[in-house]
Amino acid sequence: MGDNNRNFIIAATLSVLVLILWQYFYVLPRMEQEQALQQQREQQAAQTSLSQPKPSEGVATPTPQASGAGASTSSASVSPRVAIDTPRLRGSIALRGGYFDDLYLKDYFETPAPGSPQIRLLAPLSSLKPYYAAFGWTPRDSTIATPNAETLWQAPDNATLAIDSPLRITWDNGAGLVFERTITIDENFMFTVTQSVTNNGDSSVELFPYGLVTRHGAPEVSGFFILHEGLIGIFDEEGLQEIDYDDLENGTATEYRSDNGWIGITDKYWGTVLVPSQGGGFDARFFREDRPGIDVYQSDYLLGGVTVEPGGRMSVENRLFAGAKQVALLDDYEQAFSIPQFDLLIDWGWFYFLTKPLFLFLDYFYNLVGNFGISILLVTVCIKLAFFPLANKSYIAMSRMKKLQPEMVKLRERFPDDRMRQQQELMTLYKREKVNPMQGCLPVLVQIPVFFALYKVLFVTIEMRHAPFYGWIQDLSAPDPTSIFNLFGLLPFEVPSFLLIGIWPLIMGVTMWAQMRMNPAPTDPIQQKIFAWMPVLFTVLLAGFPAGLVIYWAWNNFLSILQQGVIMRRQGVPIALFDNIPFLSKNKSDKTHE
């Protein structure tokens, strides 16, 4: 019994010792680490708040200047909030500072998987990567108190911003000026912000309305040269301006003057854009400032000054777009609010005249059949029909060249060491038989711009994001997720991304091989080897491209094979896909001999 008590005491003592050591060497350091991290976040939030545009002294039309104004840690702490709740948006507006800094898109998710989190577009100062929009007034006289990051706006109890429920917030500066904001939201992603100021004082004041979008830290971008992600704007004389995050130098502002336009920050599929009142003129600015531990990027505008007389009231209406860059929606906003070239928030690229019509074509068929994959197939058929006469001429020329293949081989055998003589005799043969070899390149030349335009459309339009086809293709904008290296999922292991050569890329490779076999082979042995390996190279290359693009290419190849096959039969040219393949041609010859 005594031994048992002794063992119990020893065990209890050791247990207590282990707990003490665990607390001292693990728990306490973790707590200190978390506290230090939280303090660092609060300091960053305090040091990287919004930079208000300021009017220059003595200048009739003010130019935005960097401001040293910053928020204290209180503005980064928990703020009273008013909820945002619409069919497509949820979030809240911070009453301290009046930030639009908490916004989720209800219709969009991070992945196609069930239960995936909703996309968060805007985030508050206390988050790891703040991203927010704000509106306000900048005074000519810096002694006049105007709303800033510390301002605590007053809102009705239990207020919610909804489609049929505008939000009205107010703030009294205690010196005769009462500021008011009325915020409305439509059924999609457009906020309308009406700023008003009432002067109950004894003297007039001059105020300049502004709006800004600020992002702390550059986000992860796609990194493709065909897509712009960063700061963006439309201005009268300069037109579309796109500035990458790393193109802005620290402390240097890129400034514009315009009567009409808009300014903001764009991601691949989402945008946060300020739309000042049009026609009155505004100064716009792209700005970057490197603060301790983080870079701050800002797009802002400053409207012309308004003078509010004693007993007077002035208002200005501006808009904020924060949401998904849907093509039809941006077009509707452009018409409804007279926003110039608002559809260029989507990066259509230099070939706008081709990429946007192609999307509208795809979208038309999508509205008929309800599937973008089927729409791609139908658009491909329409493109083939449009270029049918041109392709016919090309395939007729290629069929005639196919007929001349034996003669071309004889020329190479007659002049095996004289390339110049081979080419001369070959040109004579083409001229005598009235064959133009360049006509065979026409279908490829036509296909290249369509291929690039479709690639652009699949890559930049949100309508294609997470758009399913059939079977294993659940996202036409992403590569085929299957791989031949695990037998398309039959073997229980994950395949590295660089080995994802799926079913559709293989189908495309087979159709490309078949089409090339129907064309006349090059006379040069080296060119023959290159052409023989091209389907393999393209299969590997296109495996990482969007599945919708690979489906288009495979389907286009299949239609071309049908068209070319019909023409070759009419021209009396045999279709021999397996000729000159050693093990197949040998078997064929053996059977013929038997």
Foldseek 3Di string as FASTA:
>chain_A
DVVVVVVVVVVVVVVVVVVVCCCVVPVVVVVVVVVVVLVVLLVQLQQFDDFDFAADAPDQFGAGDGDNDTHHSVLQDDADWAWEDAPFKTFTFGQQFRKQAWIFGPVAFPALDPPGDTDTFGHGSSDPKGKIKHKWKYWNDNVDDIRGNRHRWDWDPNAHAYQPGWTKIWDDPVAFKIKIWIWHDHNAFKIKIKIKIFGQHQFKTKIKIKMKIKIKADDDAPPDPLFAFFKWKAADPVGIDGDHPVRADAPDKDKDKHQAMKIFGAGLWWTKIKGFQHRQIKMWIWHWHDDVPIIMTMIMIIGRMDMAGNRGMDMGMIMIGTTTLAQVVQVVCCVVRVHPPSNVSFSLDPVVVQQVVVVVQLVVVCVVVVASLVSLLVVLVVVCVVCVVLLLVLLLLQLVVQVCLVVLLVLCVVCVPDVPVSVVVVVVVCVVSVHDNVSNCVVVVVVVVVLVSVLSNLRRHCVQAQGADDDQGRGQQWFRQAAVVCPRCPRPDHDPPLRQQDDLLVLLLVLLLLLLLQGRADNDPVSNVVSNCVSVVSSSVCRGGGNSSSSSNSSSSVVSSVSSVVSSVVVVHDRDSCPPPPVVVVVVVVVVVD
